[in-house]
């Protein structure tokens, strides 16, 4: 009579007279279920680049920038 034997993820059908030798080699009668590792979920990250503002030095408006009539009319 043939028996299905398992070793890790492998399985094969073994005749009765070969069962002892397979047992010595590490084969078992029941499949070994490996624990299922939970899948890692990727972390949600925001990819933000810093915004660099270009600053230019500008003179503030002074009296020379305005056209005032500084002469008084009498």
N, C-alpha and C. Protein backbone atom coordinates (compact mmCIF):
# COMPACT_ATOMS: atom_id res chain seq x y z
N UNK A 1 0.85 -1.18 0.00
CA UNK A 1 0.00 0.00 0.00
C UNK A 1 0.89 1.24 0.00
N UNK A 2 0.57 2.22 -0.79
CA UNK A 2 1.37 3.43 -0.93
C UNK A 2 0.89 4.49 0.07
N UNK A 3 1.85 5.28 0.55
CA UNK A 3 1.56 6.34 1.53
C UNK A 3 2.19 7.62 1.01
N UNK A 4 1.46 8.73 1.17
CA UNK A 4 2.01 10.03 0.79
C UNK A 4 2.82 10.56 1.96
N UNK A 5 4.07 10.94 1.68
CA UNK A 5 4.95 11.46 2.72
C UNK A 5 5.38 12.87 2.32
N UNK A 6 5.66 13.68 3.36
CA UNK A 6 5.96 15.09 3.16
C UNK A 6 7.30 15.45 3.78
N UNK A 7 7.99 16.37 3.11
CA UNK A 7 9.23 16.93 3.66
C UNK A 7 9.31 18.37 3.17
N UNK A 8 9.08 19.30 4.10
CA UNK A 8 9.05 20.71 3.72
C UNK A 8 7.87 20.97 2.80
N UNK A 9 8.15 21.51 1.63
CA UNK A 9 7.09 21.77 0.65
C UNK A 9 6.94 20.61 -0.34
N UNK A 10 7.79 19.62 -0.25
CA UNK A 10 7.77 18.49 -1.18
C UNK A 10 6.89 17.38 -0.64
N UNK A 11 6.31 16.61 -1.54
CA UNK A 11 5.55 15.42 -1.17
C UNK A 11 5.77 14.36 -2.23
N UNK A 12 5.67 13.10 -1.81
CA UNK A 12 5.76 12.01 -2.78
C UNK A 12 5.09 10.78 -2.21
N UNK A 13 4.68 9.92 -3.11
CA UNK A 13 4.02 8.67 -2.72
C UNK A 13 5.11 7.62 -2.54
N UNK A 14 5.11 6.96 -1.37
CA UNK A 14 6.16 6.00 -1.01
C UNK A 14 5.52 4.64 -0.76
N UNK A 15 6.17 3.61 -1.23
CA UNK A 15 5.72 2.25 -0.98
C UNK A 15 6.00 1.89 0.49
N UNK A 16 5.23 0.98 1.06
CA UNK A 16 5.36 0.62 2.47
C UNK A 16 6.77 0.17 2.85
N UNK A 17 7.42 -0.53 1.99
CA UNK A 17 8.73 -1.06 2.35
C UNK A 17 9.80 0.03 2.41
N UNK A 18 9.52 1.23 1.85
CA UNK A 18 10.49 2.34 1.86
C UNK A 18 10.17 3.40 2.93
N UNK A 19 9.10 3.19 3.69
CA UNK A 19 8.66 4.20 4.66
C UNK A 19 9.71 4.42 5.75
N UNK A 20 10.30 3.36 6.28
CA UNK A 20 11.28 3.51 7.37
C UNK A 20 12.48 4.35 6.94
N UNK A 21 12.97 4.08 5.76
CA UNK A 21 14.13 4.83 5.27
C UNK A 21 13.78 6.31 5.08
N UNK A 22 12.60 6.58 4.57
CA UNK A 22 12.17 7.97 4.39
C UNK A 22 11.99 8.67 5.73
N UNK A 23 11.46 7.95 6.74
CA UNK A 23 11.29 8.54 8.07
C UNK A 23 12.65 8.92 8.66
N UNK A 24 13.67 8.10 8.43
CA UNK A 24 15.01 8.41 8.92
C UNK A 24 15.60 9.62 8.22
N UNK A 25 15.18 9.83 6.98
CA UNK A 25 15.69 10.97 6.21
C UNK A 25 14.95 12.27 6.51
N UNK A 26 13.90 12.21 7.36
CA UNK A 26 13.21 13.43 7.75
C UNK A 26 11.84 13.61 7.13
N UNK A 27 11.34 12.63 6.41
CA UNK A 27 10.01 12.71 5.82
C UNK A 27 8.97 12.41 6.89
N UNK A 28 7.79 13.05 6.79
CA UNK A 28 6.72 12.84 7.77
C UNK A 28 5.44 12.45 7.04
N UNK A 29 4.43 12.04 7.82
CA UNK A 29 3.14 11.65 7.24
C UNK A 29 2.20 12.83 7.05
N UNK A 30 2.49 13.93 7.73
CA UNK A 30 1.62 15.11 7.66
C UNK A 30 2.40 16.28 7.09
N UNK A 31 1.73 17.07 6.29
CA UNK A 31 2.38 18.25 5.71
C UNK A 31 2.62 19.27 6.81
N UNK A 32 3.76 19.88 6.77
CA UNK A 32 4.11 20.91 7.74
C UNK A 32 3.69 22.26 7.15
N UNK A 33 2.83 22.92 7.87
CA UNK A 33 2.37 24.23 7.39
C UNK A 33 3.27 25.30 7.99
N UNK A 34 3.87 26.08 7.11
CA UNK A 34 4.72 27.17 7.58
C UNK A 34 3.83 28.33 7.98
N UNK A 35 4.18 29.03 9.05
CA UNK A 35 3.35 30.17 9.45
C UNK A 35 3.36 31.24 8.36
N UNK A 36 2.20 31.81 8.14
CA UNK A 36 2.06 32.84 7.12
C UNK A 36 2.53 34.16 7.70
N UNK A 37 3.49 34.76 7.02
CA UNK A 37 3.99 36.05 7.47
C UNK A 37 3.06 37.14 6.96
N UNK A 38 2.66 38.06 7.83
CA UNK A 38 1.80 39.15 7.36
C UNK A 38 2.59 40.06 6.42
N UNK A 39 1.92 40.50 5.39
CA UNK A 39 2.58 41.38 4.44
C UNK A 39 2.70 42.77 5.05
N UNK A 40 3.84 43.37 4.81
CA UNK A 40 4.05 44.72 5.33
C UNK A 40 3.40 45.72 4.39
N UNK A 41 2.64 46.60 4.96
CA UNK A 41 2.01 47.64 4.17
C UNK A 41 2.98 48.81 4.08
N UNK A 42 3.10 49.38 2.90
CA UNK A 42 4.00 50.53 2.79
C UNK A 42 3.42 51.72 3.54
N UNK A 43 4.32 52.44 4.17
CA UNK A 43 3.89 53.62 4.91
C UNK A 43 3.57 54.74 3.93
N UNK A 44 2.51 55.44 4.22
CA UNK A 44 2.13 56.57 3.38
C UNK A 44 3.01 57.75 3.75
N UNK A 45 3.81 58.19 2.83
CA UNK A 45 4.67 59.32 3.08
C UNK A 45 4.40 60.40 2.05
N UNK A 46 4.42 61.58 2.49
CA UNK A 46 4.23 62.71 1.59
C UNK A 46 5.59 63.18 1.11
N UNK A 47 5.70 63.30 -0.18
CA UNK A 47 6.95 63.78 -0.74
C UNK A 47 6.78 65.26 -1.06
N UNK A 48 7.32 66.08 -0.20
CA UNK A 48 7.18 67.52 -0.34
C UNK A 48 8.57 68.11 -0.51
N UNK A 49 8.71 68.88 -1.54
CA UNK A 49 9.97 69.57 -1.76
C UNK A 49 9.84 70.98 -1.19
N UNK A 50 10.83 71.45 -0.47
CA UNK A 50 10.72 72.80 0.09
C UNK A 50 10.72 73.84 -1.03
N UNK A 51 9.86 74.81 -0.86
CA UNK A 51 9.75 75.86 -1.86
C UNK A 51 10.70 76.98 -1.48
N UNK A 52 11.59 77.30 -2.37
CA UNK A 52 12.57 78.34 -2.12
C UNK A 52 12.11 79.59 -2.86
N UNK A 53 11.90 80.64 -2.09
CA UNK A 53 11.48 81.91 -2.68
C UNK A 53 12.71 82.74 -2.99
N UNK A 54 12.75 83.26 -4.19
CA UNK A 54 13.87 84.12 -4.55
C UNK A 54 13.59 85.52 -4.03
N UNK A 55 14.49 86.01 -3.27
CA UNK A 55 14.32 87.34 -2.72
C UNK A 55 15.30 88.28 -3.42
N UNK A 56 14.78 89.40 -3.80
CA UNK A 56 15.63 90.42 -4.42
C UNK A 56 15.58 91.65 -3.53
N UNK A 57 16.65 92.34 -3.49
CA UNK A 57 16.71 93.55 -2.67
C UNK A 57 16.19 94.71 -3.52
N UNK A 58 15.10 95.27 -3.05
CA UNK A 58 14.50 96.41 -3.74
C UNK A 58 14.47 97.59 -2.78
N UNK A 59 14.73 98.72 -3.33
CA UNK A 59 14.64 99.93 -2.51
C UNK A 59 13.18 100.26 -2.27
N UNK A 60 12.93 100.69 -1.07
CA UNK A 60 11.59 101.18 -0.78
C UNK A 60 11.42 102.54 -1.45
N UNK A 61 10.19 102.87 -1.84
CA UNK A 61 9.99 104.17 -2.51
C UNK A 61 10.28 105.32 -1.54
N UNK A 62 11.06 106.26 -2.02
CA UNK A 62 11.42 107.43 -1.22
C UNK A 62 10.92 108.69 -1.92
N UNK A 63 11.24 109.86 -1.39
CA UNK A 63 10.75 111.11 -1.98
C UNK A 63 11.29 111.34 -3.39
N UNK A 64 12.46 110.77 -3.69
CA UNK A 64 12.99 110.99 -5.04
C UNK A 64 12.23 110.17 -6.08
N UNK A 65 11.46 109.19 -5.65
CA UNK A 65 10.70 108.37 -6.59
C UNK A 65 9.38 109.03 -6.98
N UNK A 66 8.94 110.01 -6.22
CA UNK A 66 7.69 110.70 -6.53
C UNK A 66 8.00 112.06 -7.15
N UNK A 67 7.14 112.46 -8.00
CA UNK A 67 7.34 113.77 -8.65
C UNK A 67 6.47 114.79 -7.92
N UNK A 68 7.06 115.41 -6.91
CA UNK A 68 6.36 116.44 -6.17
C UNK A 68 6.78 117.80 -6.71
N UNK A 69 5.84 118.67 -6.69
CA UNK A 69 6.18 120.06 -7.04
C UNK A 69 6.54 120.73 -5.73
N UNK A 70 7.84 120.89 -5.49
CA UNK A 70 8.29 121.42 -4.22
C UNK A 70 8.37 122.96 -4.23
N UNK A 71 8.16 123.55 -5.36
CA UNK A 71 8.19 125.01 -5.40
C UNK A 71 6.79 125.52 -5.09
N UNK A 72 6.75 126.47 -4.19
CA UNK A 72 5.48 127.06 -3.82
C UNK A 72 5.15 128.24 -4.72
N UNK A 73 3.95 128.30 -5.10
CA UNK A 73 3.53 129.43 -5.94
C UNK A 73 2.91 130.48 -5.05
N UNK A 74 3.36 131.72 -5.20
CA UNK A 74 2.81 132.83 -4.40
C UNK A 74 1.82 133.63 -5.16
